[in-house]
N, C-alpha and C. Protein backbone atom coordinates (compact mmCIF):
# COMPACT_ATOMS: atom_id res chain seq x y z
N UNK A 1 0.84 -1.19 0.00
CA UNK A 1 0.00 0.00 0.00
C UNK A 1 0.88 1.25 0.00
N UNK A 2 0.46 2.28 -0.69
CA UNK A 2 1.19 3.54 -0.75
C UNK A 2 0.55 4.56 0.18
N UNK A 3 1.38 5.24 0.94
CA UNK A 3 0.92 6.33 1.79
C UNK A 3 1.13 7.64 1.05
N UNK A 4 0.37 8.66 1.46
CA UNK A 4 0.45 9.95 0.77
C UNK A 4 0.33 11.10 1.75
N UNK A 5 1.12 12.14 1.50
CA UNK A 5 0.99 13.42 2.21
C UNK A 5 0.87 14.50 1.15
N UNK A 6 -0.19 15.28 1.26
CA UNK A 6 -0.44 16.38 0.34
C UNK A 6 -0.22 17.68 1.11
N UNK A 7 0.87 18.40 0.80
CA UNK A 7 1.17 19.69 1.44
C UNK A 7 0.58 20.79 0.59
N UNK A 8 -0.24 21.65 1.18
CA UNK A 8 -0.86 22.75 0.45
C UNK A 8 -0.58 24.05 1.19
N UNK A 9 -0.23 25.07 0.42
CA UNK A 9 -0.11 26.41 1.01
C UNK A 9 -1.51 27.03 1.06
N UNK A 10 -1.81 27.70 2.14
CA UNK A 10 -3.13 28.32 2.35
C UNK A 10 -3.51 29.27 1.21
N UNK A 11 -4.78 29.66 1.20
CA UNK A 11 -5.28 30.63 0.23
C UNK A 11 -4.77 32.03 0.53
N UNK A 12 -5.07 32.96 -0.37
CA UNK A 12 -4.56 34.33 -0.23
C UNK A 12 -5.24 35.05 0.93
N UNK A 13 -4.47 35.54 1.90
CA UNK A 13 -5.04 36.24 3.05
C UNK A 13 -5.72 37.55 2.65
N UNK A 14 -6.65 37.97 3.50
CA UNK A 14 -7.48 39.15 3.24
C UNK A 14 -6.72 40.48 3.23
N UNK A 15 -5.78 40.74 4.13
CA UNK A 15 -5.21 42.09 4.20
C UNK A 15 -4.66 42.60 2.86
N UNK A 16 -4.85 43.90 2.65
CA UNK A 16 -4.35 44.57 1.45
C UNK A 16 -2.83 44.47 1.40
N UNK A 17 -2.32 43.93 0.33
CA UNK A 17 -0.87 43.74 0.19
C UNK A 17 -0.21 44.78 -0.70
N UNK A 18 -0.98 45.71 -1.24
CA UNK A 18 -0.43 46.66 -2.21
C UNK A 18 -0.28 48.08 -1.69
N UNK A 19 -1.16 48.51 -0.81
CA UNK A 19 -1.10 49.88 -0.32
C UNK A 19 0.14 50.08 0.54
N UNK A 20 1.01 51.02 0.17
CA UNK A 20 2.24 51.23 0.95
C UNK A 20 1.92 51.61 2.40
N UNK A 21 2.78 51.14 3.29
CA UNK A 21 2.65 51.51 4.69
C UNK A 21 4.03 51.74 5.29
N UNK A 22 4.03 52.52 6.36
CA UNK A 22 5.28 52.81 7.06
C UNK A 22 5.68 51.60 7.89
N UNK A 23 6.96 51.49 8.14
CA UNK A 23 7.49 50.37 8.91
C UNK A 23 6.81 50.27 10.27
N UNK A 24 6.51 51.41 10.88
CA UNK A 24 5.87 51.40 12.21
C UNK A 24 4.48 50.75 12.17
N UNK A 25 3.87 50.65 10.98
CA UNK A 25 2.54 50.05 10.85
C UNK A 25 2.59 48.57 10.46
N UNK A 26 3.78 48.05 10.22
CA UNK A 26 3.90 46.68 9.74
C UNK A 26 3.46 45.65 10.78
N UNK A 27 3.78 45.88 12.04
CA UNK A 27 3.41 44.92 13.09
C UNK A 27 1.88 44.73 13.13
N UNK A 28 1.13 45.82 13.06
CA UNK A 28 -0.34 45.73 13.06
C UNK A 28 -0.83 45.02 11.80
N UNK A 29 -0.19 45.29 10.67
CA UNK A 29 -0.57 44.63 9.41
C UNK A 29 -0.33 43.12 9.52
N UNK A 30 0.80 42.73 10.10
CA UNK A 30 1.11 41.30 10.26
C UNK A 30 0.11 40.62 11.20
N UNK A 31 -0.31 41.32 12.24
CA UNK A 31 -1.32 40.76 13.15
C UNK A 31 -2.63 40.52 12.41
N UNK A 32 -2.99 41.46 11.55
CA UNK A 32 -4.21 41.30 10.73
C UNK A 32 -4.03 40.14 9.75
N UNK A 33 -2.84 40.02 9.18
CA UNK A 33 -2.54 38.93 8.24
C UNK A 33 -2.69 37.57 8.93
N UNK A 34 -2.21 37.48 10.17
CA UNK A 34 -2.29 36.22 10.92
C UNK A 34 -3.71 35.92 11.41
N UNK A 35 -4.46 36.96 11.78
CA UNK A 35 -5.78 36.75 12.38
C UNK A 35 -6.90 36.68 11.35
N UNK A 36 -6.68 37.26 10.17
CA UNK A 36 -7.74 37.34 9.17
C UNK A 36 -7.93 36.05 8.41
N UNK A 37 -9.00 36.03 7.66
CA UNK A 37 -9.31 34.88 6.82
C UNK A 37 -8.61 34.99 5.47
N UNK A 38 -9.24 34.39 4.48
CA UNK A 38 -8.67 34.42 3.13
C UNK A 38 -9.69 34.98 2.15
N UNK A 39 -9.19 35.43 1.01
CA UNK A 39 -10.06 35.90 -0.06
C UNK A 39 -10.66 34.67 -0.74
N UNK A 40 -11.99 34.58 -0.80
CA UNK A 40 -12.58 33.41 -1.46
C UNK A 40 -12.13 33.34 -2.92
N UNK A 41 -11.62 32.20 -3.36
CA UNK A 41 -11.16 32.10 -4.74
C UNK A 41 -12.33 32.12 -5.72
N UNK A 42 -12.10 32.69 -6.91
CA UNK A 42 -13.14 32.77 -7.94
C UNK A 42 -13.44 31.39 -8.52
N UNK A 43 -12.43 30.53 -8.56
CA UNK A 43 -12.58 29.18 -9.10
C UNK A 43 -12.07 28.19 -8.07
N UNK A 44 -12.45 26.92 -8.20
CA UNK A 44 -11.91 25.93 -7.25
C UNK A 44 -10.38 26.00 -7.22
N UNK A 45 -9.81 26.12 -6.02
CA UNK A 45 -8.37 26.33 -5.92
C UNK A 45 -7.51 25.11 -6.24
N UNK A 46 -8.09 23.94 -6.16
CA UNK A 46 -7.33 22.72 -6.40
C UNK A 46 -7.99 21.91 -7.50
N UNK A 47 -7.19 21.13 -8.18
CA UNK A 47 -7.73 20.28 -9.24
C UNK A 47 -8.30 18.98 -8.70
N UNK A 48 -8.41 18.87 -7.39
CA UNK A 48 -8.91 17.65 -6.77
C UNK A 48 -10.42 17.73 -6.56
N UNK A 49 -11.12 16.68 -6.89
CA UNK A 49 -12.56 16.62 -6.69
C UNK A 49 -12.87 16.40 -5.21
N UNK A 50 -14.07 16.80 -4.81
CA UNK A 50 -14.48 16.67 -3.41
C UNK A 50 -14.38 15.23 -2.92
N UNK A 51 -14.75 14.28 -3.78
CA UNK A 51 -14.69 12.88 -3.35
C UNK A 51 -13.25 12.43 -3.14
N UNK A 52 -12.31 12.99 -3.92
CA UNK A 52 -10.90 12.64 -3.71
C UNK A 52 -10.40 13.27 -2.41
N UNK A 53 -10.79 14.52 -2.14
CA UNK A 53 -10.36 15.18 -0.92
C UNK A 53 -10.87 14.45 0.33
N UNK A 54 -12.01 13.81 0.22
CA UNK A 54 -12.61 13.17 1.39
C UNK A 54 -11.80 11.97 1.89
N UNK A 55 -10.87 11.47 1.10
CA UNK A 55 -10.08 10.31 1.56
C UNK A 55 -8.89 10.72 2.43
N UNK A 56 -8.63 12.02 2.53
CA UNK A 56 -7.48 12.51 3.29
C UNK A 56 -7.85 12.80 4.74
N UNK A 57 -6.90 12.56 5.63
CA UNK A 57 -7.00 12.99 7.02
C UNK A 57 -6.51 14.44 7.05
N UNK A 58 -7.40 15.42 7.31
CA UNK A 58 -7.02 16.84 7.21
C UNK A 58 -6.34 17.38 8.46
N UNK A 59 -5.22 18.06 8.23
CA UNK A 59 -4.39 18.63 9.29
C UNK A 59 -4.11 20.09 8.93
N UNK A 60 -4.03 20.96 9.94
CA UNK A 60 -3.75 22.37 9.68
C UNK A 60 -2.78 22.92 10.71
N UNK A 61 -2.18 24.05 10.36
CA UNK A 61 -1.37 24.80 11.32
C UNK A 61 -2.33 25.53 12.25
N UNK A 62 -1.84 26.10 13.35
CA UNK A 62 -2.74 26.80 14.27
C UNK A 62 -3.18 28.18 13.78
N UNK A 63 -2.64 28.68 12.67
CA UNK A 63 -3.03 30.00 12.19
C UNK A 63 -4.35 29.93 11.43
N UNK A 64 -5.20 30.93 11.65
CA UNK A 64 -6.57 30.92 11.13
C UNK A 64 -6.65 30.79 9.61
N UNK A 65 -5.70 31.36 8.88
CA UNK A 65 -5.81 31.30 7.42
C UNK A 65 -5.75 29.88 6.88
N UNK A 66 -5.17 28.95 7.64
CA UNK A 66 -5.15 27.56 7.16
C UNK A 66 -6.50 26.89 7.36
N UNK A 67 -7.14 27.12 8.50
CA UNK A 67 -8.47 26.52 8.70
C UNK A 67 -9.49 27.19 7.79
N UNK A 68 -9.33 28.49 7.53
CA UNK A 68 -10.22 29.18 6.59
C UNK A 68 -10.05 28.60 5.18
N UNK A 69 -8.83 28.24 4.83
CA UNK A 69 -8.57 27.63 3.51
C UNK A 69 -9.22 26.25 3.42
N UNK A 70 -9.11 25.47 4.48
CA UNK A 70 -9.77 24.16 4.49
C UNK A 70 -11.29 24.33 4.39
N UNK A 71 -11.81 25.36 5.05
CA UNK A 71 -13.25 25.62 5.01
C UNK A 71 -13.72 25.87 3.57
N UNK A 72 -12.92 26.58 2.78
CA UNK A 72 -13.24 26.82 1.37
C UNK A 72 -13.39 25.49 0.63
N UNK A 73 -12.60 24.50 1.04
CA UNK A 73 -12.65 23.18 0.41
C UNK A 73 -13.75 22.30 1.01
N UNK A 74 -14.47 22.83 2.01
CA UNK A 74 -15.52 22.05 2.66
C UNK A 74 -14.97 21.02 3.63
N UNK A 75 -13.81 21.32 4.20
CA UNK A 75 -13.12 20.37 5.09
C UNK A 75 -12.91 21.00 6.46
N UNK A 76 -13.10 20.21 7.50
CA UNK A 76 -12.78 20.61 8.87
C UNK A 76 -11.53 19.86 9.29
N UNK A 77 -10.52 20.57 9.82
CA UNK A 77 -9.31 19.85 10.24
C UNK A 77 -9.61 18.88 11.38
N UNK A 78 -9.00 17.73 11.32
CA UNK A 78 -9.14 16.74 12.39
C UNK A 78 -8.00 16.86 13.38
N UNK A 79 -6.96 17.59 12.99
CA UNK A 79 -5.83 17.82 13.90
C UNK A 79 -5.21 19.18 13.59
N UNK A 80 -4.83 19.89 14.63
CA UNK A 80 -4.06 21.13 14.52
C UNK A 80 -2.67 20.80 15.03
N UNK A 81 -1.67 21.03 14.19
CA UNK A 81 -0.29 20.67 14.53
C UNK A 81 0.52 21.96 14.71
N UNK A 82 0.89 22.25 15.96
CA UNK A 82 1.62 23.49 16.27
C UNK A 82 2.91 23.62 15.48
N UNK A 83 3.57 22.50 15.20
CA UNK A 83 4.85 22.53 14.48
C UNK A 83 4.70 23.03 13.05
N UNK A 84 3.48 23.14 12.54
CA UNK A 84 3.25 23.64 11.18
C UNK A 84 3.11 25.16 11.12
N UNK A 85 3.22 25.82 12.27
CA UNK A 85 3.13 27.29 12.32
C UNK A 85 4.18 27.89 11.39
N UNK A 86 3.84 28.98 10.72
CA UNK A 86 4.80 29.62 9.83
C UNK A 86 5.98 30.17 10.63
N UNK A 87 7.13 30.27 9.99
CA UNK A 87 8.32 30.85 10.61
C UNK A 87 8.02 32.30 10.98
N UNK A 88 8.33 32.65 12.21
CA UNK A 88 8.06 34.01 12.71
C UNK A 88 9.00 34.99 12.02
N UNK A 89 8.45 36.12 11.63
CA UNK A 89 9.21 37.14 10.92
C UNK A 89 9.87 38.10 11.92
N UNK A 90 11.19 38.29 11.83
CA UNK A 90 11.83 39.27 12.72
C UNK A 90 11.50 40.68 12.24
N UNK A 91 11.24 41.57 13.17
CA UNK A 91 10.96 42.96 12.82
C UNK A 91 11.97 43.86 13.49
N UNK A 92 12.47 44.79 12.75
CA UNK A 92 13.40 45.80 13.26
C UNK A 92 12.79 47.15 12.95
N UNK A 93 13.15 48.15 13.73
CA UNK A 93 12.61 49.49 13.50
C UNK A 93 13.72 50.52 13.44
N UNK A 94 14.60 50.43 12.45
CA UNK A 94 15.64 51.45 12.35
C UNK A 94 15.02 52.82 12.08
N UNK A 95 15.42 53.81 12.86
CA UNK A 95 14.86 55.16 12.75
C UNK A 95 14.97 55.71 11.33
N UNK A 96 16.04 55.35 10.64
CA UNK A 96 16.26 55.83 9.28
C UNK A 96 15.14 55.40 8.34
N UNK A 97 14.56 54.22 8.57
CA UNK A 97 13.53 53.70 7.67
C UNK A 97 12.11 54.05 8.10
N UNK A 98 11.93 54.61 9.28
CA UNK A 98 10.59 54.86 9.79
C UNK A 98 9.70 55.67 8.85
N UNK A 99 10.18 56.72 8.19
CA UNK A 99 9.27 57.48 7.32
C UNK A 99 9.02 56.83 5.95
N UNK A 100 9.80 55.81 5.60
CA UNK A 100 9.66 55.17 4.29
C UNK A 100 8.37 54.36 4.25
N UNK A 101 7.63 54.47 3.13
CA UNK A 101 6.42 53.68 2.94
C UNK A 101 6.63 52.75 1.76
N UNK A 102 6.36 51.46 2.00
CA UNK A 102 6.48 50.43 0.96
C UNK A 102 5.27 49.50 1.05
N UNK A 103 4.95 48.81 -0.04
CA UNK A 103 3.89 47.79 0.06
C UNK A 103 4.28 46.76 1.13
N UNK A 104 3.31 46.26 1.89
CA UNK A 104 3.62 45.34 2.99
C UNK A 104 4.48 44.15 2.58
N UNK A 105 4.21 43.57 1.42
CA UNK A 105 4.97 42.39 1.02
C UNK A 105 6.42 42.73 0.70
N UNK A 106 6.73 43.98 0.38
CA UNK A 106 8.13 44.38 0.21
C UNK A 106 8.84 44.34 1.56
N UNK A 107 8.16 44.87 2.59
CA UNK A 107 8.73 44.81 3.93
C UNK A 107 8.92 43.36 4.35
N UNK A 108 7.89 42.54 4.14
CA UNK A 108 7.95 41.12 4.52
C UNK A 108 9.11 40.44 3.82
N UNK A 109 9.26 40.69 2.53
CA UNK A 109 10.36 40.07 1.77
C UNK A 109 11.71 40.52 2.32
N UNK A 110 11.85 41.80 2.60
CA UNK A 110 13.13 42.31 3.13
C UNK A 110 13.47 41.66 4.47
N UNK A 111 12.49 41.58 5.37
CA UNK A 111 12.74 40.97 6.68
C UNK A 111 12.94 39.46 6.57
N UNK A 112 12.25 38.82 5.63
CA UNK A 112 12.45 37.37 5.44
C UNK A 112 13.86 37.10 4.93
N UNK A 113 14.35 37.92 3.99
CA UNK A 113 15.71 37.75 3.49
C UNK A 113 16.73 37.99 4.61
N UNK A 114 16.47 38.98 5.43
CA UNK A 114 17.33 39.25 6.57
C UNK A 114 17.35 38.04 7.52
N UNK A 115 16.19 37.45 7.74
CA UNK A 115 16.08 36.26 8.59
C UNK A 115 16.87 35.10 7.98
N UNK A 116 16.72 34.88 6.68
CA UNK A 116 17.44 33.80 6.01
C UNK A 116 18.95 33.98 6.10
N UNK A 117 19.39 35.25 6.18
CA UNK A 117 20.81 35.55 6.29
C UNK A 117 21.32 35.48 7.73
N UNK A 118 20.43 35.14 8.67
CA UNK A 118 20.86 34.98 10.06
C UNK A 118 20.47 36.12 10.97
N UNK A 119 19.77 37.12 10.45
CA UNK A 119 19.33 38.24 11.28
C UNK A 119 18.08 37.87 12.06
N UNK A 120 17.81 38.61 13.09
CA UNK A 120 16.60 38.37 13.86
C UNK A 120 16.79 37.39 14.99
N UNK A 121 17.65 37.72 15.92
CA UNK A 121 17.95 36.81 17.04
C UNK A 121 16.77 36.66 18.00
N UNK A 122 15.74 37.50 17.86
CA UNK A 122 14.59 37.44 18.77
C UNK A 122 13.55 36.41 18.33
N UNK A 123 13.76 35.80 17.16
CA UNK A 123 12.82 34.79 16.65
C UNK A 123 13.58 33.49 16.37
N UNK A 124 12.87 32.36 16.26
CA UNK A 124 13.57 31.11 15.94
C UNK A 124 14.37 31.22 14.64
N UNK A 125 15.56 30.66 14.66
CA UNK A 125 16.47 30.72 13.51
C UNK A 125 16.02 29.76 12.40
N UNK A 126 16.66 29.86 11.26
CA UNK A 126 16.40 28.95 10.14
C UNK A 126 16.63 27.51 10.61
N UNK A 127 17.73 27.27 11.33
CA UNK A 127 18.04 25.92 11.82
C UNK A 127 16.94 25.43 12.77
N UNK A 128 16.43 26.30 13.62
CA UNK A 128 15.36 25.90 14.54
C UNK A 128 14.07 25.57 13.79
N UNK A 129 13.78 26.33 12.73
CA UNK A 129 12.59 26.05 11.92
C UNK A 129 12.75 24.72 11.20
N UNK A 130 13.97 24.44 10.72
CA UNK A 130 14.22 23.14 10.09
C UNK A 130 14.04 22.01 11.10
N UNK A 131 14.48 22.23 12.33
CA UNK A 131 14.28 21.23 13.38
C UNK A 131 12.80 21.01 13.67
N UNK A 132 12.04 22.10 13.68
CA UNK A 132 10.59 21.99 13.88
C UNK A 132 9.95 21.23 12.72
N UNK A 133 10.47 21.45 11.50
CA UNK A 133 9.97 20.72 10.33
C UNK A 133 10.25 19.22 10.45
N UNK A 134 11.40 18.87 11.03
CA UNK A 134 11.71 17.45 11.27
C UNK A 134 10.67 16.83 12.21
N UNK A 135 10.33 17.56 13.26
CA UNK A 135 9.30 17.07 14.20
C UNK A 135 7.95 16.95 13.50
N UNK A 136 7.61 17.96 12.70
CA UNK A 136 6.34 17.93 11.97
C UNK A 136 6.30 16.76 11.00
N UNK A 137 7.42 16.48 10.33
CA UNK A 137 7.48 15.36 9.38
C UNK A 137 7.19 14.04 10.09
N UNK A 138 7.71 13.89 11.31
CA UNK A 138 7.44 12.67 12.08
C UNK A 138 5.96 12.56 12.44
N UNK A 139 5.38 13.67 12.84
CA UNK A 139 3.95 13.69 13.18
C UNK A 139 3.11 13.33 11.96
N UNK A 140 3.42 13.97 10.82
CA UNK A 140 2.65 13.72 9.59
C UNK A 140 2.84 12.29 9.11
N UNK A 141 4.05 11.77 9.23
CA UNK A 141 4.31 10.38 8.85
C UNK A 141 3.48 9.43 9.72
N UNK A 142 3.34 9.76 10.99
CA UNK A 142 2.50 8.95 11.88
C UNK A 142 1.04 8.97 11.46
N UNK A 143 0.55 10.16 11.10
CA UNK A 143 -0.83 10.25 10.60
C UNK A 143 -0.99 9.45 9.31
N UNK A 144 0.00 9.50 8.43
CA UNK A 144 -0.06 8.74 7.17
C UNK A 144 -0.05 7.24 7.46
N UNK A 145 0.75 6.84 8.44
CA UNK A 145 0.80 5.42 8.83
C UNK A 145 -0.58 4.97 9.32
N UNK A 146 -1.23 5.84 10.06
CA UNK A 146 -2.54 5.50 10.65
C UNK A 146 -3.69 5.62 9.65
N UNK A 147 -3.67 6.67 8.81
CA UNK A 147 -4.82 6.98 7.95
C UNK A 147 -4.58 6.75 6.46
N UNK A 148 -3.35 6.53 6.05
CA UNK A 148 -3.05 6.29 4.64
C UNK A 148 -2.78 7.54 3.84
N UNK A 149 -3.64 8.55 3.96
CA UNK A 149 -3.47 9.80 3.19
C UNK A 149 -3.74 10.99 4.11
N UNK A 150 -2.86 11.99 4.04
CA UNK A 150 -2.96 13.17 4.91
C UNK A 150 -2.93 14.42 4.04
N UNK A 151 -3.86 15.33 4.29
CA UNK A 151 -3.87 16.64 3.63
C UNK A 151 -3.41 17.65 4.67
N UNK A 152 -2.35 18.38 4.36
CA UNK A 152 -1.75 19.33 5.29
C UNK A 152 -1.90 20.73 4.74
N UNK A 153 -2.63 21.59 5.45
CA UNK A 153 -2.77 22.99 5.05
C UNK A 153 -1.83 23.80 5.93
N UNK A 154 -0.79 24.37 5.31
CA UNK A 154 0.22 25.09 6.09
C UNK A 154 0.69 26.33 5.32
N UNK A 155 1.99 26.62 5.38
CA UNK A 155 2.53 27.90 4.93
C UNK A 155 3.77 27.71 4.07
N UNK A 156 4.14 28.75 3.36
CA UNK A 156 5.23 28.67 2.39
C UNK A 156 6.55 28.21 3.01
N UNK A 157 7.03 28.88 4.05
CA UNK A 157 8.36 28.58 4.60
C UNK A 157 8.38 27.20 5.26
N UNK A 158 7.37 26.90 6.08
CA UNK A 158 7.37 25.59 6.75
C UNK A 158 7.19 24.47 5.73
N UNK A 159 6.38 24.68 4.69
CA UNK A 159 6.25 23.66 3.64
C UNK A 159 7.59 23.43 2.95
N UNK A 160 8.31 24.52 2.70
CA UNK A 160 9.63 24.42 2.07
C UNK A 160 10.59 23.62 2.97
N UNK A 161 10.51 23.85 4.27
CA UNK A 161 11.37 23.12 5.22
C UNK A 161 10.92 21.67 5.38
N UNK A 162 9.64 21.41 5.18
CA UNK A 162 9.13 20.04 5.30
C UNK A 162 9.61 19.14 4.16
N UNK A 163 9.83 19.71 3.00
CA UNK A 163 10.21 18.88 1.85
C UNK A 163 11.45 18.02 2.15
N UNK A 164 12.60 18.60 2.52
CA UNK A 164 13.75 17.74 2.81
C UNK A 164 13.53 16.85 4.04
N UNK A 165 12.77 17.34 5.01
CA UNK A 165 12.50 16.52 6.20
C UNK A 165 11.71 15.27 5.82
N UNK A 166 10.74 15.41 4.95
CA UNK A 166 9.97 14.25 4.50
C UNK A 166 10.82 13.33 3.63
N UNK A 167 11.61 13.92 2.75
CA UNK A 167 12.46 13.11 1.87
C UNK A 167 13.48 12.30 2.67
N UNK A 168 13.99 12.87 3.76
CA UNK A 168 14.92 12.13 4.62
C UNK A 168 14.23 10.96 5.33
N UNK A 169 12.90 11.04 5.42
CA UNK A 169 12.13 9.97 6.07
C UNK A 169 11.60 8.96 5.05
N UNK A 170 12.09 9.02 3.82
CA UNK A 170 11.69 8.04 2.82
C UNK A 170 10.54 8.45 1.92
N UNK A 171 10.07 9.68 2.05
CA UNK A 171 9.00 10.17 1.19
C UNK A 171 9.59 10.67 -0.12
N UNK A 172 8.83 10.52 -1.19
CA UNK A 172 9.26 11.01 -2.50
C UNK A 172 8.23 12.01 -3.02
N UNK A 173 8.71 13.19 -3.44
CA UNK A 173 7.79 14.16 -4.02
C UNK A 173 7.42 13.69 -5.43
N UNK A 174 6.13 13.51 -5.67
CA UNK A 174 5.67 13.01 -6.96
C UNK A 174 4.93 14.06 -7.77
N UNK A 175 4.60 15.19 -7.14
CA UNK A 175 3.91 16.27 -7.86
C UNK A 175 4.15 17.58 -7.14
N UNK A 176 4.32 18.64 -7.93
CA UNK A 176 4.44 19.99 -7.38
C UNK A 176 3.77 20.94 -8.35
N UNK A 177 2.87 21.79 -7.85
CA UNK A 177 2.21 22.73 -8.74
C UNK A 177 2.99 24.05 -8.79
N UNK A 178 3.00 24.81 -7.70
CA UNK A 178 3.69 26.10 -7.63
C UNK A 178 3.86 26.47 -6.17
N UNK A 179 4.54 27.59 -5.89
CA UNK A 179 4.80 28.00 -4.51
C UNK A 179 3.83 29.07 -4.01
N UNK A 180 2.96 29.56 -4.88
CA UNK A 180 2.06 30.64 -4.51
C UNK A 180 0.91 30.10 -3.66
N UNK A 181 -0.07 30.97 -3.38
CA UNK A 181 -1.24 30.55 -2.61
C UNK A 181 -1.89 29.37 -3.32
N UNK A 182 -2.30 28.39 -2.55
CA UNK A 182 -2.91 27.13 -3.01
C UNK A 182 -1.91 26.22 -3.72
N UNK A 183 -0.62 26.54 -3.65
CA UNK A 183 0.39 25.65 -4.23
C UNK A 183 0.40 24.33 -3.48
N UNK A 184 0.75 23.27 -4.20
CA UNK A 184 0.62 21.93 -3.64
C UNK A 184 1.86 21.09 -3.95
N UNK A 185 2.26 20.27 -2.99
CA UNK A 185 3.29 19.24 -3.19
C UNK A 185 2.71 17.92 -2.70
N UNK A 186 2.85 16.89 -3.53
CA UNK A 186 2.37 15.56 -3.17
C UNK A 186 3.57 14.66 -2.90
N UNK A 187 3.55 13.98 -1.76
CA UNK A 187 4.61 13.04 -1.39
C UNK A 187 3.99 11.66 -1.21
N UNK A 188 4.71 10.64 -1.65
CA UNK A 188 4.25 9.26 -1.46
C UNK A 188 5.40 8.41 -0.94
N UNK A 189 5.04 7.30 -0.32
CA UNK A 189 6.01 6.28 0.07
C UNK A 189 5.28 4.96 0.25
N UNK A 190 6.00 3.91 0.04
CA UNK A 190 5.43 2.58 0.29
C UNK A 190 5.27 2.41 1.79
N UNK A 191 4.27 1.69 2.19
CA UNK A 191 4.05 1.45 3.61
C UNK A 191 5.27 0.78 4.22
N UNK A 192 5.87 1.40 5.25
CA UNK A 192 7.04 0.78 5.89
C UNK A 192 6.68 -0.58 6.48
N UNK A 193 7.61 -1.52 6.37
CA UNK A 193 7.40 -2.85 6.96
C UNK A 193 7.56 -2.75 8.47
N UNK A 194 6.79 -3.51 9.17
CA UNK A 194 6.87 -3.48 10.64
C UNK A 194 7.71 -4.61 11.14
């Protein structure tokens, strides 16, 4: 028997991502991004039929946008896995940048790149997020062992960190759509012998 894990990035969050804002307003914008729902998609976000989705054991991160995304698919999560939480973004407030206004996602990208380069000692490091992904991979593998197929609604960075963690556990990526909202990666493995 083949086991399957379907990693999906959540739908597009509600907050306006284009209107420029000052750095001092970014923290409030991020709180809205984390607490808000998603923009309902105009078309079905996945190429999977409802009957196919029903065979998966649904799992989500603790952030609301993942459960809101599952809701769009008509699915209620059966497990919330804390280890699937998105990597926390470090925020700095250099006085020089305070009057500058940029679209929120420009700020997010700048701080994410800074984090990837080792900045942001106040938040978990890249290595710590990879370690959390290893723990999440074990949890998801356990669900796959028990249920056969697992649908995981999570986030871009943690999904990216999960890929090598799953592959190290014997999973093989057999499909990848894209990295944007509703992007999907499918992993399979033969049932481990006991």
